[in-house]
C-alpha cells in the first residue's frame, strides 16, 4: 500500500469496491485503512459473541436457617449446600431471626460457623457471618478443583 492523500485513498477504495475506514484520526497524518466495513463489523460481533459465551456466569444459591434449626434439618441443608458448591455455584447461607429470636444471635453464628467448618473441604468462606438487620449472612465459594 503506502501513504496517499485522502482523495487518492478514496479513489483507490472505490476502484476495489471497498470502504475507506479511519483508524486513528488524531495521528498526523490521519491513519485510514481500505476494507469491507460490513464484513469487519460482522467479524467483530462474532468475536464478541464467542467471548461472551466463554465468560462464566456466577450463580448464587441461598440456604436459610432458623436460629434453632435441629440436626436433621441442618444435615439436609448441608447436603444441598455441598451439591451447590460441587456444581460451582456460590453459596449464601443465612440465619433469619423472627420476632424476638434475635436474642439467639450467638446460636445463629455458631450454626453458620459449623456449616463453614463442615464444608471447608469443598468451599472457602468469602465473608464471615455478619448481622444485617434480622439476618446473619455468610458467603461461601467453591474451591478450585485441580
N, C-alpha and C. Protein backbone atom coordinates (compact mmCIF):
# COMPACT_ATOMS: atom_id res chain seq x y z
N UNK A 1 0.85 -1.18 0.00
CA UNK A 1 0.00 0.00 0.00
C UNK A 1 0.90 1.24 0.00
N UNK A 2 0.76 2.09 0.96
CA UNK A 2 1.59 3.29 1.01
C UNK A 2 0.82 4.43 1.63
N UNK A 3 1.42 5.63 1.58
CA UNK A 3 0.80 6.82 2.12
C UNK A 3 0.20 7.59 0.96
N UNK A 4 -1.12 7.86 1.04
CA UNK A 4 -1.83 8.57 -0.02
C UNK A 4 -2.58 9.74 0.58
N UNK A 5 -2.82 10.80 -0.24
CA UNK A 5 -3.74 11.84 0.22
C UNK A 5 -5.16 11.26 0.27
N UNK A 6 -6.03 11.90 1.02
CA UNK A 6 -7.38 11.38 1.23
C UNK A 6 -8.11 11.13 -0.08
N UNK A 7 -8.03 12.07 -1.05
CA UNK A 7 -8.74 11.92 -2.31
C UNK A 7 -8.29 10.66 -3.05
N UNK A 8 -6.97 10.45 -3.10
CA UNK A 8 -6.44 9.28 -3.79
C UNK A 8 -6.85 7.99 -3.08
N UNK A 9 -6.82 8.04 -1.74
CA UNK A 9 -7.20 6.86 -0.96
C UNK A 9 -8.66 6.51 -1.21
N UNK A 10 -9.54 7.53 -1.28
CA UNK A 10 -10.96 7.30 -1.57
C UNK A 10 -11.13 6.69 -2.95
N UNK A 11 -10.41 7.22 -3.95
CA UNK A 11 -10.49 6.67 -5.31
C UNK A 11 -10.03 5.21 -5.32
N UNK A 12 -8.92 4.96 -4.61
CA UNK A 12 -8.36 3.63 -4.54
C UNK A 12 -9.37 2.64 -3.94
N UNK A 13 -10.07 3.07 -2.88
CA UNK A 13 -11.07 2.23 -2.22
C UNK A 13 -12.25 1.98 -3.14
N UNK A 14 -12.71 3.03 -3.85
CA UNK A 14 -13.85 2.88 -4.76
C UNK A 14 -13.53 1.95 -5.91
N UNK A 15 -12.29 2.00 -6.42
CA UNK A 15 -11.89 1.10 -7.51
C UNK A 15 -12.01 -0.36 -7.08
N UNK A 16 -11.66 -0.62 -5.84
CA UNK A 16 -11.72 -2.01 -5.34
C UNK A 16 -13.10 -2.38 -4.80
N UNK A 17 -14.00 -1.43 -4.75
CA UNK A 17 -15.35 -1.70 -4.24
C UNK A 17 -15.37 -1.88 -2.73
N UNK A 18 -14.44 -1.24 -2.03
CA UNK A 18 -14.35 -1.35 -0.58
C UNK A 18 -14.56 0.01 0.08
N UNK A 19 -14.47 0.05 1.40
CA UNK A 19 -14.67 1.28 2.16
C UNK A 19 -13.34 1.78 2.69
N UNK A 20 -13.23 3.11 2.86
CA UNK A 20 -12.06 3.72 3.49
C UNK A 20 -12.46 4.01 4.93
N UNK A 21 -11.80 3.34 5.88
CA UNK A 21 -12.16 3.45 7.29
C UNK A 21 -11.02 4.16 8.02
N UNK A 22 -11.38 5.23 8.76
CA UNK A 22 -10.40 5.98 9.52
C UNK A 22 -10.08 5.21 10.80
N UNK A 23 -8.82 4.82 10.95
CA UNK A 23 -8.39 4.02 12.11
C UNK A 23 -7.99 4.93 13.27
N UNK A 24 -7.11 5.90 13.00
CA UNK A 24 -6.62 6.79 14.04
C UNK A 24 -6.71 8.24 13.55
N UNK A 25 -7.80 8.93 13.88
CA UNK A 25 -7.99 10.29 13.36
C UNK A 25 -7.04 11.32 14.00
N UNK A 26 -6.51 11.04 15.18
CA UNK A 26 -5.66 12.01 15.89
C UNK A 26 -4.20 11.97 15.43
N UNK A 27 -3.83 10.94 14.67
CA UNK A 27 -2.45 10.84 14.21
C UNK A 27 -2.19 11.90 13.14
N UNK A 28 -0.91 12.20 12.93
CA UNK A 28 -0.58 13.19 11.90
C UNK A 28 0.35 12.54 10.90
N UNK A 29 -0.02 12.20 9.71
CA UNK A 29 -1.33 12.33 9.09
C UNK A 29 -2.30 11.26 9.62
N UNK A 30 -3.62 11.50 9.49
CA UNK A 30 -4.60 10.52 9.98
C UNK A 30 -4.42 9.17 9.28
N UNK A 31 -4.62 8.09 10.06
CA UNK A 31 -4.44 6.74 9.52
C UNK A 31 -5.79 6.19 9.11
N UNK A 32 -5.85 5.67 7.88
CA UNK A 32 -7.07 5.07 7.36
C UNK A 32 -6.72 3.74 6.72
N UNK A 33 -7.73 2.88 6.58
CA UNK A 33 -7.50 1.55 6.02
C UNK A 33 -8.61 1.24 5.03
N UNK A 34 -8.24 0.58 3.93
CA UNK A 34 -9.22 0.17 2.93
C UNK A 34 -9.68 -1.23 3.31
N UNK A 35 -11.00 -1.37 3.56
CA UNK A 35 -11.56 -2.67 3.96
C UNK A 35 -13.05 -2.71 3.69
N UNK A 36 -13.61 -3.91 3.77
CA UNK A 36 -15.06 -4.08 3.67
C UNK A 36 -15.60 -3.86 5.08
N UNK A 37 -16.22 -2.70 5.32
CA UNK A 37 -16.61 -2.31 6.67
C UNK A 37 -17.69 -3.21 7.24
N UNK A 38 -18.66 -3.63 6.41
CA UNK A 38 -19.73 -4.51 6.91
C UNK A 38 -19.17 -5.86 7.33
N UNK A 39 -18.21 -6.36 6.57
CA UNK A 39 -17.57 -7.63 6.93
C UNK A 39 -16.79 -7.47 8.25
N UNK A 40 -16.14 -6.33 8.41
CA UNK A 40 -15.40 -6.03 9.63
C UNK A 40 -16.34 -6.01 10.84
N UNK A 41 -17.49 -5.34 10.71
CA UNK A 41 -18.47 -5.29 11.80
C UNK A 41 -18.99 -6.69 12.13
N UNK A 42 -19.25 -7.49 11.09
CA UNK A 42 -19.72 -8.86 11.28
C UNK A 42 -18.71 -9.68 12.06
N UNK A 43 -17.43 -9.60 11.65
CA UNK A 43 -16.37 -10.34 12.34
C UNK A 43 -16.25 -9.90 13.81
N UNK A 44 -16.37 -8.59 14.02
CA UNK A 44 -16.25 -8.04 15.38
C UNK A 44 -17.39 -8.56 16.27
N UNK A 45 -18.62 -8.57 15.76
CA UNK A 45 -19.76 -9.08 16.52
C UNK A 45 -19.58 -10.56 16.82
N UNK A 46 -19.06 -11.29 15.84
CA UNK A 46 -18.83 -12.72 16.01
C UNK A 46 -17.81 -12.97 17.12
N UNK A 47 -16.72 -12.19 17.15
CA UNK A 47 -15.71 -12.33 18.21
C UNK A 47 -16.30 -12.02 19.58
N UNK A 48 -17.10 -10.95 19.66
CA UNK A 48 -17.73 -10.58 20.94
C UNK A 48 -18.66 -11.67 21.43
N UNK A 49 -19.40 -12.30 20.51
CA UNK A 49 -20.33 -13.35 20.87
C UNK A 49 -19.58 -14.56 21.44
N UNK A 50 -18.45 -14.90 20.84
CA UNK A 50 -17.65 -16.02 21.32
C UNK A 50 -17.09 -15.71 22.71
N UNK A 51 -16.60 -14.48 22.91
CA UNK A 51 -16.08 -14.09 24.22
C UNK A 51 -17.17 -14.12 25.28
N UNK A 52 -18.37 -13.67 24.91
CA UNK A 52 -19.49 -13.65 25.85
C UNK A 52 -19.89 -15.08 26.23
N UNK A 53 -19.83 -16.00 25.27
CA UNK A 53 -20.19 -17.38 25.55
C UNK A 53 -19.17 -18.03 26.48
N UNK A 54 -17.89 -17.63 26.37
CA UNK A 54 -16.85 -18.20 27.21
C UNK A 54 -16.89 -17.64 28.63
N UNK A 55 -17.45 -16.43 28.79
CA UNK A 55 -17.50 -15.80 30.12
C UNK A 55 -18.40 -16.63 31.03
N UNK A 56 -17.93 -16.88 32.24
CA UNK A 56 -18.72 -17.69 33.16
C UNK A 56 -19.68 -16.81 33.94
N UNK A 57 -20.86 -17.33 34.14
CA UNK A 57 -21.87 -16.61 34.90
C UNK A 57 -21.82 -17.10 36.34
N UNK A 58 -21.83 -16.17 37.28
CA UNK A 58 -21.76 -16.54 38.69
C UNK A 58 -23.19 -16.80 39.19
N UNK A 59 -23.39 -18.00 39.71
CA UNK A 59 -24.69 -18.38 40.25
C UNK A 59 -24.57 -18.35 41.77
N UNK A 60 -25.53 -17.70 42.43
CA UNK A 60 -25.53 -17.65 43.89
C UNK A 60 -26.77 -18.39 44.39
N UNK A 61 -26.53 -19.45 45.16
CA UNK A 61 -27.63 -20.23 45.74
C UNK A 61 -27.75 -19.82 47.21
N UNK A 62 -28.99 -19.83 47.72
CA UNK A 62 -29.23 -19.42 49.10
C UNK A 62 -29.73 -20.59 49.93
N UNK A 63 -29.28 -20.64 51.18
CA UNK A 63 -29.79 -21.61 52.14
C UNK A 63 -30.18 -20.84 53.40
N UNK A 64 -31.39 -21.08 53.86
CA UNK A 64 -31.92 -20.33 55.00
C UNK A 64 -32.05 -21.24 56.22
N UNK A 65 -31.59 -20.75 57.32
CA UNK A 65 -31.69 -21.46 58.59
C UNK A 65 -32.47 -20.60 59.57
N UNK A 66 -33.01 -21.25 60.60
CA UNK A 66 -33.54 -20.55 61.76
C UNK A 66 -32.50 -20.65 62.85
N UNK A 67 -32.59 -19.82 63.89
CA UNK A 67 -31.56 -19.88 64.94
C UNK A 67 -31.55 -21.21 65.70
N UNK A 68 -32.68 -21.92 65.70
CA UNK A 68 -32.74 -23.19 66.43
C UNK A 68 -33.05 -24.35 65.49
N UNK A 69 -32.33 -24.38 64.35
CA UNK A 69 -32.51 -25.46 63.39
C UNK A 69 -32.00 -26.75 64.00
N UNK A 70 -32.83 -27.82 63.94
CA UNK A 70 -32.40 -29.09 64.55
C UNK A 70 -31.44 -29.84 63.63
N UNK A 71 -30.85 -30.93 64.15
CA UNK A 71 -29.77 -31.64 63.45
C UNK A 71 -30.21 -32.22 62.11
N UNK A 72 -31.41 -32.79 62.05
CA UNK A 72 -31.86 -33.41 60.79
C UNK A 72 -31.99 -32.37 59.70
N UNK A 73 -32.62 -31.23 60.00
CA UNK A 73 -32.77 -30.17 59.01
C UNK A 73 -31.40 -29.61 58.61
N UNK A 74 -30.52 -29.48 59.59
CA UNK A 74 -29.17 -28.97 59.31
C UNK A 74 -28.45 -29.90 58.33
N UNK A 75 -28.51 -31.21 58.58
CA UNK A 75 -27.83 -32.17 57.71
C UNK A 75 -28.40 -32.13 56.30
N UNK A 76 -29.72 -32.02 56.20
CA UNK A 76 -30.40 -31.95 54.90
C UNK A 76 -29.92 -30.72 54.12
N UNK A 77 -29.88 -29.58 54.79
CA UNK A 77 -29.46 -28.33 54.14
C UNK A 77 -27.97 -28.35 53.82
N UNK A 78 -27.19 -29.01 54.67
CA UNK A 78 -25.74 -29.13 54.44
C UNK A 78 -25.49 -29.94 53.16
N UNK A 79 -26.26 -31.02 52.97
CA UNK A 79 -26.10 -31.83 51.74
C UNK A 79 -26.43 -31.01 50.50
N UNK A 80 -27.49 -30.19 50.60
CA UNK A 80 -27.81 -29.30 49.47
C UNK A 80 -26.69 -28.31 49.22
N UNK A 81 -26.12 -27.76 50.28
CA UNK A 81 -25.02 -26.81 50.15
C UNK A 81 -23.83 -27.47 49.47
N UNK A 82 -23.52 -28.72 49.85
CA UNK A 82 -22.42 -29.45 49.22
C UNK A 82 -22.66 -29.60 47.73
N UNK A 83 -23.90 -29.95 47.38
CA UNK A 83 -24.27 -30.12 45.97
C UNK A 83 -24.08 -28.81 45.21
N UNK A 84 -24.53 -27.70 45.79
CA UNK A 84 -24.40 -26.39 45.13
C UNK A 84 -22.93 -26.04 44.91
N UNK A 85 -22.11 -26.25 45.93
CA UNK A 85 -20.69 -25.90 45.82
C UNK A 85 -19.98 -26.81 44.81
N UNK A 86 -20.34 -28.08 44.77
CA UNK A 86 -19.73 -29.00 43.79
C UNK A 86 -20.12 -28.64 42.36
N UNK A 87 -21.32 -28.07 42.21
CA UNK A 87 -21.76 -27.63 40.88
C UNK A 87 -21.12 -26.32 40.47
N UNK A 88 -20.34 -25.70 41.37
CA UNK A 88 -19.63 -24.48 41.03
C UNK A 88 -20.36 -23.19 41.38
N UNK A 89 -21.46 -23.28 42.11
CA UNK A 89 -22.22 -22.08 42.47
C UNK A 89 -21.69 -21.53 43.79
N UNK A 90 -21.83 -20.21 43.96
CA UNK A 90 -21.50 -19.62 45.26
C UNK A 90 -22.69 -19.87 46.18
N UNK A 91 -22.44 -19.83 47.48
CA UNK A 91 -23.48 -20.13 48.44
C UNK A 91 -23.64 -18.98 49.42
N UNK A 92 -24.88 -18.58 49.61
CA UNK A 92 -25.21 -17.57 50.60
C UNK A 92 -26.04 -18.27 51.67
N UNK A 93 -25.42 -18.50 52.83
CA UNK A 93 -26.13 -19.14 53.93
C UNK A 93 -26.52 -18.06 54.92
N UNK A 94 -27.78 -18.07 55.33
CA UNK A 94 -28.19 -17.06 56.29
C UNK A 94 -29.14 -17.61 57.33
N UNK A 95 -29.07 -17.02 58.50
CA UNK A 95 -29.98 -17.34 59.60
C UNK A 95 -30.94 -16.16 59.70
N UNK A 96 -32.23 -16.46 59.64
CA UNK A 96 -33.25 -15.41 59.70
C UNK A 96 -33.85 -15.41 61.10
N UNK A 97 -33.79 -14.27 61.76
CA UNK A 97 -34.32 -14.15 63.11
C UNK A 97 -35.71 -13.52 63.04
N UNK A 98 -36.73 -14.29 63.50
CA UNK A 98 -38.10 -13.78 63.51
C UNK A 98 -38.43 -13.25 64.90
N UNK A 99 -39.11 -12.14 64.93
CA UNK A 99 -39.58 -11.60 66.21
C UNK A 99 -38.49 -11.45 67.25
N UNK A 100 -38.70 -12.06 68.40
CA UNK A 100 -37.74 -11.91 69.50
C UNK A 100 -36.60 -12.93 69.43
N UNK A 101 -36.55 -13.74 68.40
CA UNK A 101 -35.47 -14.74 68.30
C UNK A 101 -34.11 -14.08 68.07
N UNK A 102 -34.09 -12.77 67.90
CA UNK A 102 -32.83 -12.04 67.72
C UNK A 102 -31.92 -12.20 68.94
N UNK A 103 -32.50 -12.57 70.09
CA UNK A 103 -31.68 -12.78 71.29
C UNK A 103 -30.79 -14.00 71.15
N UNK A 104 -31.05 -14.85 70.13
CA UNK A 104 -30.25 -16.05 69.91
C UNK A 104 -29.21 -15.84 68.80
N UNK A 105 -28.74 -14.61 68.63
CA UNK A 105 -27.80 -14.36 67.52
C UNK A 105 -26.50 -15.14 67.67
N UNK A 106 -26.10 -15.46 68.91
CA UNK A 106 -24.89 -16.27 69.09
C UNK A 106 -25.12 -17.70 68.58
N UNK A 107 -26.35 -18.23 68.74
CA UNK A 107 -26.66 -19.56 68.20
C UNK A 107 -26.63 -19.55 66.68
N UNK A 108 -27.10 -18.46 66.10
CA UNK A 108 -27.07 -18.32 64.64
C UNK A 108 -25.65 -18.30 64.12
N UNK A 109 -24.79 -17.59 64.82
CA UNK A 109 -23.39 -17.52 64.40
C UNK A 109 -22.72 -18.88 64.54
N UNK A 110 -23.01 -19.57 65.61
CA UNK A 110 -22.45 -20.91 65.82
C UNK A 110 -22.90 -21.85 64.69
N UNK A 111 -24.16 -21.75 64.31
CA UNK A 111 -24.70 -22.58 63.24
C UNK A 111 -23.97 -22.33 61.92
N UNK A 112 -23.76 -21.06 61.58
CA UNK A 112 -23.08 -20.72 60.33
C UNK A 112 -21.62 -21.14 60.36
N UNK A 113 -20.96 -20.96 61.49
CA UNK A 113 -19.56 -21.37 61.59
C UNK A 113 -19.42 -22.89 61.51
N UNK A 114 -20.41 -23.60 62.06
CA UNK A 114 -20.42 -25.07 61.97
C UNK A 114 -20.55 -25.49 60.50
N UNK A 115 -21.42 -24.79 59.77
CA UNK A 115 -21.59 -25.09 58.35
C UNK A 115 -20.29 -24.84 57.60
N UNK A 116 -19.63 -23.72 57.89
CA UNK A 116 -18.36 -23.39 57.23
C UNK A 116 -17.32 -24.47 57.53
N UNK A 117 -17.29 -24.94 58.75
CA UNK A 117 -16.32 -25.97 59.14
C UNK A 117 -16.63 -27.30 58.44
N UNK A 118 -17.92 -27.65 58.35
CA UNK A 118 -18.30 -28.90 57.69
C UNK A 118 -18.02 -28.88 56.18
N UNK A 119 -18.04 -27.67 55.58
CA UNK A 119 -17.87 -27.56 54.13
C UNK A 119 -16.47 -27.08 53.74
N UNK A 120 -15.53 -27.05 54.70
CA UNK A 120 -14.21 -26.47 54.39
C UNK A 120 -13.44 -27.24 53.33
N UNK A 121 -13.76 -28.53 53.10
CA UNK A 121 -13.05 -29.30 52.09
C UNK A 121 -13.47 -28.93 50.68
N UNK A 122 -14.72 -28.50 50.50
CA UNK A 122 -15.19 -28.18 49.14
C UNK A 122 -15.44 -26.70 48.91
N UNK A 123 -15.47 -25.91 49.99
CA UNK A 123 -15.72 -24.48 49.83
C UNK A 123 -14.92 -23.66 50.82
N UNK A 124 -14.69 -22.40 50.43
CA UNK A 124 -13.98 -21.50 51.35
C UNK A 124 -14.89 -20.32 51.68
N UNK A 125 -14.72 -19.79 52.87
CA UNK A 125 -15.56 -18.69 53.34
C UNK A 125 -15.08 -17.39 52.68
N UNK A 126 -15.99 -16.72 51.98
CA UNK A 126 -15.69 -15.43 51.38
C UNK A 126 -15.95 -14.31 52.37
N UNK A 127 -17.05 -14.45 53.11
CA UNK A 127 -17.42 -13.44 54.11
C UNK A 127 -17.88 -14.15 55.37
N UNK A 128 -17.27 -13.82 56.47
CA UNK A 128 -17.64 -14.43 57.75
C UNK A 128 -19.05 -13.98 58.13
N UNK A 129 -19.71 -14.71 59.05
CA UNK A 129 -21.07 -14.34 59.44
C UNK A 129 -21.15 -12.89 59.91
N UNK A 130 -22.13 -12.18 59.34
CA UNK A 130 -22.30 -10.76 59.65
C UNK A 130 -23.78 -10.48 59.81
N UNK A 131 -24.14 -9.78 60.89
CA UNK A 131 -25.54 -9.48 61.17
C UNK A 131 -25.96 -8.23 60.42
N UNK A 132 -27.01 -8.38 59.61
CA UNK A 132 -27.57 -7.25 58.86
C UNK A 132 -29.06 -7.22 59.14
N UNK A 133 -29.48 -6.38 60.05
CA UNK A 133 -30.90 -6.32 60.41
C UNK A 133 -31.33 -7.60 61.11
N UNK A 134 -32.30 -8.32 60.50
CA UNK A 134 -32.79 -9.56 61.09
C UNK A 134 -32.13 -10.79 60.49
N UNK A 135 -31.09 -10.60 59.69
CA UNK A 135 -30.40 -11.71 59.03
C UNK A 135 -28.93 -11.74 59.42
N UNK A 136 -28.41 -12.93 59.62
CA UNK A 136 -26.97 -13.10 59.77
C UNK A 136 -26.52 -13.88 58.53
N UNK A 137 -25.66 -13.26 57.72
CA UNK A 137 -25.31 -13.80 56.42
C UNK A 137 -23.85 -14.22 56.36
N UNK A 138 -23.59 -15.30 55.62
CA UNK A 138 -22.23 -15.77 55.37
C UNK A 138 -22.16 -16.24 53.92
N UNK A 139 -21.06 -15.90 53.22
CA UNK A 139 -20.88 -16.32 51.83
C UNK A 139 -19.78 -17.36 51.73
N UNK A 140 -20.03 -18.41 50.94
CA UNK A 140 -19.04 -19.44 50.66
C UNK A 140 -18.87 -19.54 49.15
N UNK A 141 -17.65 -19.81 48.72
CA UNK A 141 -17.43 -20.03 47.28
C UNK A 141 -16.72 -21.37 47.12
N UNK A 142 -16.94 -22.04 45.98
CA UNK A 142 -16.33 -23.36 45.78
C UNK A 142 -14.82 -23.24 45.65
N UNK A 143 -14.12 -24.25 46.17
CA UNK A 143 -12.66 -24.29 45.99
C UNK A 143 -12.39 -24.76 44.57
N UNK A 144 -11.33 -24.25 43.99
CA UNK A 144 -10.96 -24.65 42.63
C UNK A 144 -10.45 -26.08 42.67
N UNK A 145 -10.99 -26.93 41.81
CA UNK A 145 -10.52 -28.31 41.73
C UNK A 145 -9.38 -28.38 40.72
N UNK A 146 -8.36 -29.17 41.05
CA UNK A 146 -7.18 -29.26 40.18
C UNK A 146 -7.31 -30.39 39.20
